[in-house]
Amino acid sequence: MARLLFALAVIVIVATVYTVIDCALRENDRIRGLGKPVWLVVILLLPVVGMVLWYVIGRARVPAARPRTPDDDPSFLGDIRRNTEHDERIRKIEEELAALDSESDLPDGPATYGREDNNGPEDEPHAPGTR
């Protein structure tokens, strides 16, 4: 009789540990009835009854429905938002680079080619017979 009780106790302990791990690792959207922490307490405080309740009530039999179109998928919509933010940052950086390029193309001062008084070629004296 003692061996039977010992074997039963081992089976209950192993089943309880398995049930606790199953509950702890299950996604929240695949748990029915109570929240995950409450189910863990029920399973641990009422080992046999808690396990039966978990497998009958708490554990969802079918996986949660996944969105069928990209418009319904929150992760896809989040990627779009990140992509637009990324594109906006790239556009700003390109504008800054274009502004830096245009600044470096400007001369340092006014353009004076040749003489300081900006006299044109007509004001210069010519040697006789050169014109």
N, C-alpha and C. Protein backbone atom coordinates (compact mmCIF):
# COMPACT_ATOMS: atom_id res chain seq x y z
N MET A 1 0.82 -1.19 0.00
CA MET A 1 0.00 0.00 0.00
C MET A 1 0.87 1.26 0.00
N ALA A 2 1.97 1.26 0.72
CA ALA A 2 2.86 2.42 0.79
C ALA A 2 3.50 2.68 -0.56
N ARG A 3 3.83 1.60 -1.26
CA ARG A 3 4.41 1.76 -2.59
C ARG A 3 3.42 2.41 -3.54
N LEU A 4 2.18 2.04 -3.46
CA LEU A 4 1.14 2.61 -4.31
C LEU A 4 0.96 4.09 -4.02
N LEU A 5 0.94 4.47 -2.76
CA LEU A 5 0.82 5.89 -2.40
C LEU A 5 2.04 6.68 -2.85
N PHE A 6 3.22 6.07 -2.70
CA PHE A 6 4.44 6.74 -3.15
C PHE A 6 4.42 6.95 -4.67
N ALA A 7 4.01 5.94 -5.42
CA ALA A 7 3.93 6.04 -6.88
C ALA A 7 2.90 7.10 -7.28
N LEU A 8 1.76 7.12 -6.59
CA LEU A 8 0.73 8.12 -6.87
C LEU A 8 1.24 9.52 -6.56
N ALA A 9 1.97 9.69 -5.49
CA ALA A 9 2.51 11.00 -5.12
C ALA A 9 3.51 11.47 -6.18
N VAL A 10 4.37 10.57 -6.67
CA VAL A 10 5.33 10.92 -7.71
C VAL A 10 4.60 11.32 -8.99
N ILE A 11 3.57 10.56 -9.36
CA ILE A 11 2.79 10.88 -10.57
C ILE A 11 2.12 12.24 -10.43
N VAL A 12 1.55 12.54 -9.27
CA VAL A 12 0.88 13.83 -9.06
C VAL A 12 1.91 14.97 -9.11
N ILE A 13 3.07 14.78 -8.51
CA ILE A 13 4.11 15.82 -8.53
C ILE A 13 4.59 16.07 -9.95
N VAL A 14 4.87 15.01 -10.69
CA VAL A 14 5.33 15.17 -12.07
C VAL A 14 4.25 15.85 -12.92
N ALA A 15 3.00 15.42 -12.77
CA ALA A 15 1.91 16.02 -13.54
C ALA A 15 1.71 17.49 -13.15
N THR A 16 1.87 17.82 -11.88
CA THR A 16 1.73 19.21 -11.45
C THR A 16 2.84 20.06 -12.03
N VAL A 17 4.06 19.57 -12.00
CA VAL A 17 5.17 20.33 -12.58
C VAL A 17 4.94 20.54 -14.07
N TYR A 18 4.50 19.49 -14.77
CA TYR A 18 4.23 19.62 -16.20
C TYR A 18 3.12 20.65 -16.45
N THR A 19 2.08 20.64 -15.66
CA THR A 19 0.96 21.56 -15.82
C THR A 19 1.38 23.00 -15.52
N VAL A 20 2.20 23.19 -14.50
CA VAL A 20 2.69 24.54 -14.18
C VAL A 20 3.53 25.08 -15.33
N ILE A 21 4.41 24.25 -15.87
CA ILE A 21 5.24 24.69 -17.00
C ILE A 21 4.38 24.98 -18.22
N ASP A 22 3.38 24.13 -18.48
CA ASP A 22 2.48 24.35 -19.61
C ASP A 22 1.73 25.67 -19.46
N CYS A 23 1.26 25.95 -18.28
CA CYS A 23 0.53 27.20 -18.03
C CYS A 23 1.47 28.40 -18.12
N ALA A 24 2.65 28.29 -17.57
CA ALA A 24 3.58 29.42 -17.54
C ALA A 24 4.08 29.79 -18.93
N LEU A 25 4.26 28.80 -19.80
CA LEU A 25 4.80 29.07 -21.13
C LEU A 25 3.74 29.36 -22.18
N ARG A 26 2.49 29.16 -21.84
CA ARG A 26 1.41 29.38 -22.81
C ARG A 26 1.19 30.88 -23.01
N GLU A 27 0.92 31.28 -24.26
CA GLU A 27 0.66 32.69 -24.56
C GLU A 27 -0.64 33.13 -23.89
N ASN A 28 -0.70 34.40 -23.51
CA ASN A 28 -1.87 34.92 -22.80
C ASN A 28 -3.15 34.83 -23.62
N ASP A 29 -3.05 34.95 -24.94
CA ASP A 29 -4.26 34.90 -25.76
C ASP A 29 -4.76 33.47 -25.95
N ARG A 30 -4.03 32.48 -25.43
CA ARG A 30 -4.47 31.08 -25.52
C ARG A 30 -4.87 30.53 -24.15
N ILE A 31 -5.19 31.44 -23.22
CA ILE A 31 -5.64 31.04 -21.89
C ILE A 31 -7.06 31.54 -21.70
N ARG A 32 -7.94 30.64 -21.28
CA ARG A 32 -9.34 31.03 -21.07
C ARG A 32 -9.64 31.12 -19.58
N GLY A 33 -10.68 31.83 -19.27
CA GLY A 33 -11.18 31.89 -17.90
C GLY A 33 -10.46 32.91 -17.05
N LEU A 34 -9.42 32.50 -16.40
CA LEU A 34 -8.68 33.35 -15.47
C LEU A 34 -7.37 33.80 -16.10
N GLY A 35 -6.68 34.70 -15.42
CA GLY A 35 -5.36 35.12 -15.88
C GLY A 35 -4.31 34.06 -15.56
N LYS A 36 -3.17 34.20 -16.18
CA LYS A 36 -2.09 33.22 -16.00
C LYS A 36 -1.64 33.11 -14.54
N PRO A 37 -1.42 34.22 -13.82
CA PRO A 37 -0.99 34.07 -12.41
C PRO A 37 -2.04 33.37 -11.54
N VAL A 38 -3.30 33.64 -11.81
CA VAL A 38 -4.36 32.99 -11.02
C VAL A 38 -4.39 31.49 -11.32
N TRP A 39 -4.24 31.11 -12.58
CA TRP A 39 -4.20 29.69 -12.92
C TRP A 39 -3.02 29.00 -12.25
N LEU A 40 -1.88 29.65 -12.19
CA LEU A 40 -0.72 29.04 -11.53
C LEU A 40 -0.99 28.80 -10.05
N VAL A 41 -1.63 29.76 -9.40
CA VAL A 41 -1.96 29.59 -7.98
C VAL A 41 -2.95 28.45 -7.79
N VAL A 42 -3.97 28.39 -8.65
CA VAL A 42 -4.97 27.31 -8.54
C VAL A 42 -4.30 25.95 -8.74
N ILE A 43 -3.43 25.85 -9.73
CA ILE A 43 -2.76 24.56 -10.00
C ILE A 43 -1.88 24.15 -8.83
N LEU A 44 -1.19 25.11 -8.22
CA LEU A 44 -0.28 24.77 -7.12
C LEU A 44 -1.03 24.51 -5.81
N LEU A 45 -2.11 25.24 -5.54
CA LEU A 45 -2.84 25.05 -4.28
C LEU A 45 -3.76 23.83 -4.31
N LEU A 46 -4.31 23.53 -5.45
CA LEU A 46 -5.19 22.37 -5.61
C LEU A 46 -4.60 21.46 -6.69
N PRO A 47 -3.61 20.65 -6.34
CA PRO A 47 -2.84 19.95 -7.37
C PRO A 47 -3.69 19.12 -8.35
N VAL A 48 -4.52 18.24 -7.88
CA VAL A 48 -5.28 17.38 -8.79
C VAL A 48 -6.45 18.15 -9.39
N VAL A 49 -7.20 18.84 -8.57
CA VAL A 49 -8.37 19.59 -9.06
C VAL A 49 -7.91 20.74 -9.95
N GLY A 50 -6.84 21.42 -9.58
CA GLY A 50 -6.33 22.52 -10.37
C GLY A 50 -5.86 22.06 -11.75
N MET A 51 -5.22 20.86 -11.80
CA MET A 51 -4.79 20.34 -13.10
C MET A 51 -5.99 20.01 -13.98
N VAL A 52 -6.98 19.39 -13.40
CA VAL A 52 -8.17 19.04 -14.18
C VAL A 52 -8.86 20.30 -14.68
N LEU A 53 -9.01 21.31 -13.82
CA LEU A 53 -9.63 22.56 -14.24
C LEU A 53 -8.82 23.24 -15.34
N TRP A 54 -7.49 23.20 -15.22
CA TRP A 54 -6.64 23.82 -16.24
C TRP A 54 -6.85 23.18 -17.61
N TYR A 55 -6.85 21.84 -17.65
CA TYR A 55 -6.98 21.16 -18.94
C TYR A 55 -8.42 21.21 -19.48
N VAL A 56 -9.41 21.35 -18.62
CA VAL A 56 -10.80 21.40 -19.08
C VAL A 56 -11.22 22.82 -19.42
N ILE A 57 -10.88 23.79 -18.58
CA ILE A 57 -11.38 25.16 -18.75
C ILE A 57 -10.30 26.11 -19.26
N GLY A 58 -9.16 26.12 -18.62
CA GLY A 58 -8.18 27.18 -18.84
C GLY A 58 -7.39 27.11 -20.13
N ARG A 59 -7.13 25.93 -20.61
CA ARG A 59 -6.28 25.77 -21.78
C ARG A 59 -7.13 25.82 -23.05
N ALA A 60 -6.81 26.78 -23.91
CA ALA A 60 -7.55 26.89 -25.17
C ALA A 60 -7.11 25.76 -26.09
N ARG A 61 -8.07 25.10 -26.72
CA ARG A 61 -7.76 23.95 -27.56
C ARG A 61 -7.24 24.35 -28.93
N VAL A 62 -7.73 25.45 -29.46
CA VAL A 62 -7.31 25.89 -30.80
C VAL A 62 -6.42 27.11 -30.65
N PRO A 63 -5.43 27.23 -31.52
CA PRO A 63 -4.59 28.43 -31.43
C PRO A 63 -5.39 29.68 -31.77
N ALA A 64 -4.91 30.78 -31.28
CA ALA A 64 -5.59 32.06 -31.54
C ALA A 64 -5.55 32.35 -33.03
N ALA A 65 -6.61 32.94 -33.52
CA ALA A 65 -6.70 33.25 -34.95
C ALA A 65 -5.69 34.32 -35.32
N ARG A 66 -4.95 34.05 -36.36
CA ARG A 66 -3.97 35.01 -36.87
C ARG A 66 -4.64 35.89 -37.91
N PRO A 67 -4.21 37.13 -38.03
CA PRO A 67 -4.76 37.99 -39.08
C PRO A 67 -4.49 37.40 -40.46
N ARG A 68 -5.48 37.52 -41.33
CA ARG A 68 -5.34 36.95 -42.67
C ARG A 68 -4.80 37.95 -43.68
N THR A 69 -5.00 39.21 -43.45
CA THR A 69 -4.51 40.23 -44.38
C THR A 69 -3.50 41.11 -43.67
N PRO A 70 -2.60 41.72 -44.41
CA PRO A 70 -1.61 42.59 -43.77
C PRO A 70 -2.23 43.77 -43.04
N ASP A 71 -3.41 44.23 -43.49
CA ASP A 71 -4.05 45.37 -42.84
C ASP A 71 -4.48 45.04 -41.41
N ASP A 72 -4.72 43.77 -41.12
CA ASP A 72 -5.17 43.35 -39.80
C ASP A 72 -4.02 42.91 -38.89
N ASP A 73 -2.83 42.86 -39.41
CA ASP A 73 -1.68 42.37 -38.67
C ASP A 73 -0.95 43.53 -37.99
N PRO A 74 -0.99 43.61 -36.66
CA PRO A 74 -0.35 44.74 -35.97
C PRO A 74 1.16 44.81 -36.19
N SER A 75 1.82 43.66 -36.32
CA SER A 75 3.27 43.71 -36.53
C SER A 75 3.59 44.28 -37.91
N PHE A 76 2.78 43.97 -38.91
CA PHE A 76 2.98 44.53 -40.25
C PHE A 76 2.77 46.04 -40.22
N LEU A 77 1.72 46.48 -39.55
CA LEU A 77 1.45 47.91 -39.46
C LEU A 77 2.55 48.63 -38.68
N GLY A 78 3.10 47.99 -37.67
CA GLY A 78 4.22 48.58 -36.93
C GLY A 78 5.45 48.72 -37.81
N ASP A 79 5.68 47.73 -38.69
CA ASP A 79 6.81 47.82 -39.61
C ASP A 79 6.65 48.98 -40.57
N ILE A 80 5.43 49.23 -41.01
CA ILE A 80 5.18 50.36 -41.93
C ILE A 80 5.52 51.67 -41.23
N ARG A 81 5.10 51.80 -39.97
CA ARG A 81 5.38 53.03 -39.24
C ARG A 81 6.89 53.21 -39.06
N ARG A 82 7.60 52.12 -38.74
CA ARG A 82 9.05 52.22 -38.59
C ARG A 82 9.71 52.56 -39.92
N ASN A 83 9.19 52.02 -41.01
CA ASN A 83 9.77 52.31 -42.32
C ASN A 83 9.56 53.77 -42.69
N THR A 84 8.39 54.34 -42.39
CA THR A 84 8.18 55.76 -42.71
C THR A 84 9.05 56.64 -41.84
N GLU A 85 9.23 56.28 -40.58
CA GLU A 85 10.13 57.04 -39.71
C GLU A 85 11.56 56.97 -40.24
N HIS A 86 11.95 55.80 -40.70
CA HIS A 86 13.29 55.61 -41.25
C HIS A 86 13.45 56.44 -42.53
N ASP A 87 12.46 56.42 -43.39
CA ASP A 87 12.51 57.22 -44.63
C ASP A 87 12.59 58.71 -44.32
N GLU A 88 11.86 59.16 -43.30
CA GLU A 88 11.88 60.58 -42.92
C GLU A 88 13.27 60.96 -42.42
N ARG A 89 13.90 60.10 -41.61
CA ARG A 89 15.25 60.40 -41.13
C ARG A 89 16.24 60.47 -42.28
N ILE A 90 16.11 59.56 -43.24
CA ILE A 90 17.01 59.58 -44.40
C ILE A 90 16.82 60.86 -45.19
N ARG A 91 15.56 61.29 -45.38
CA ARG A 91 15.28 62.52 -46.13
C ARG A 91 15.92 63.73 -45.44
N LYS A 92 15.80 63.81 -44.11
CA LYS A 92 16.40 64.93 -43.36
C LYS A 92 17.92 64.93 -43.49
N ILE A 93 18.52 63.77 -43.41
CA ILE A 93 19.98 63.68 -43.52
C ILE A 93 20.43 64.09 -44.92
N GLU A 94 19.67 63.67 -45.95
CA GLU A 94 20.01 64.07 -47.32
C GLU A 94 19.90 65.58 -47.50
N GLU A 95 18.88 66.20 -46.88
CA GLU A 95 18.75 67.66 -46.95
C GLU A 95 19.93 68.35 -46.28
N GLU A 96 20.34 67.83 -45.13
CA GLU A 96 21.48 68.42 -44.43
C GLU A 96 22.76 68.28 -45.25
N LEU A 97 22.94 67.13 -45.88
CA LEU A 97 24.12 66.94 -46.72
C LEU A 97 24.09 67.87 -47.93
N ALA A 98 22.91 68.05 -48.53
CA ALA A 98 22.80 68.96 -49.67
C ALA A 98 23.11 70.39 -49.24
N ALA A 99 22.65 70.79 -48.05
CA ALA A 99 22.94 72.13 -47.54
C ALA A 99 24.44 72.29 -47.30
N LEU A 100 25.09 71.29 -46.76
CA LEU A 100 26.53 71.36 -46.54
C LEU A 100 27.29 71.44 -47.87
N ASP A 101 26.84 70.69 -48.87
CA ASP A 101 27.47 70.75 -50.19
C ASP A 101 27.32 72.12 -50.81
N SER A 102 26.14 72.72 -50.68
CA SER A 102 25.93 74.04 -51.29
C SER A 102 26.75 75.11 -50.56
N GLU A 103 26.95 74.94 -49.26
CA GLU A 103 27.78 75.89 -48.52
C GLU A 103 29.24 75.78 -48.95
N SER A 104 29.71 74.60 -49.22
CA SER A 104 31.12 74.43 -49.59
C SER A 104 31.37 74.89 -51.03
N ASP A 105 30.35 74.98 -51.87
CA ASP A 105 30.51 75.45 -53.24
C ASP A 105 30.57 76.97 -53.34
N LEU A 106 30.12 77.68 -52.32
CA LEU A 106 30.12 79.14 -52.35
C LEU A 106 31.55 79.67 -52.19
N PRO A 107 31.93 80.75 -52.91
CA PRO A 107 33.27 81.33 -52.71
C PRO A 107 33.33 82.04 -51.36
N ASP A 108 34.56 82.28 -50.92
CA ASP A 108 34.74 82.91 -49.62
C ASP A 108 34.39 84.39 -49.62
N GLY A 109 34.58 85.07 -50.71
CA GLY A 109 34.29 86.50 -50.75
C GLY A 109 33.76 86.87 -52.13
N PRO A 110 33.66 88.18 -52.41
CA PRO A 110 33.16 88.58 -53.73
C PRO A 110 34.18 88.20 -54.80
N ALA A 111 33.67 87.86 -55.95
CA ALA A 111 34.54 87.43 -57.04
C ALA A 111 35.16 88.65 -57.71
N THR A 112 36.48 88.81 -57.59
CA THR A 112 37.21 89.89 -58.26
C THR A 112 38.30 89.24 -59.07
N TYR A 113 38.11 89.19 -60.32
CA TYR A 113 39.08 88.55 -61.19
C TYR A 113 40.01 89.61 -61.74
N GLY A 114 41.23 89.52 -61.40
CA GLY A 114 42.19 90.47 -61.95
C GLY A 114 42.39 91.65 -61.02
N ARG A 115 41.88 92.81 -61.42
CA ARG A 115 42.15 94.04 -60.69
C ARG A 115 41.12 94.30 -59.61
N GLU A 116 41.52 95.05 -58.62
CA GLU A 116 40.67 95.35 -57.48
C GLU A 116 39.58 96.37 -57.81
N ASP A 117 39.81 97.26 -58.81
CA ASP A 117 38.83 98.32 -59.07
C ASP A 117 37.76 97.88 -60.05
N ASN A 118 37.77 96.61 -60.45
CA ASN A 118 36.77 96.04 -61.34
C ASN A 118 36.62 96.79 -62.65
N ASN A 119 37.72 97.33 -63.16
CA ASN A 119 37.67 97.96 -64.48
C ASN A 119 37.61 96.87 -65.54
N GLY A 120 36.78 97.08 -66.50
CA GLY A 120 36.63 96.11 -67.56
C GLY A 120 37.74 96.25 -68.58
N PRO A 121 37.77 95.45 -69.60
CA PRO A 121 38.82 95.50 -70.61
C PRO A 121 38.77 96.78 -71.43
N GLU A 122 37.61 97.46 -71.47
CA GLU A 122 37.52 98.70 -72.23
C GLU A 122 38.28 99.83 -71.56
N ASP A 123 38.44 99.78 -70.27
CA ASP A 123 39.10 100.87 -69.54
C ASP A 123 40.62 100.78 -69.63
N GLU A 124 41.15 99.68 -70.06
CA GLU A 124 42.59 99.52 -70.12
C GLU A 124 43.14 100.23 -71.39
N PRO A 125 44.29 100.89 -71.23
CA PRO A 125 44.87 101.52 -72.43
C PRO A 125 45.42 100.46 -73.37
N HIS A 126 45.26 100.70 -74.62
CA HIS A 126 45.72 99.74 -75.63
C HIS A 126 46.93 100.29 -76.36
N ALA A 127 47.73 99.41 -76.74
CA ALA A 127 48.88 99.82 -77.57
C ALA A 127 48.35 100.16 -78.96
N PRO A 128 49.00 101.08 -79.63
CA PRO A 128 48.49 101.46 -80.93
C PRO A 128 48.52 100.27 -81.90
N GLY A 129 47.42 100.12 -82.61
CA GLY A 129 47.26 99.10 -83.62
C GLY A 129 46.91 97.72 -83.07
N THR A 130 46.55 97.60 -81.78
CA THR A 130 46.19 96.31 -81.21
C THR A 130 44.70 96.08 -81.22
N ARG A 131 43.97 97.13 -81.51
CA ARG A 131 42.53 96.94 -81.47
C ARG A 131 41.92 96.91 -82.78
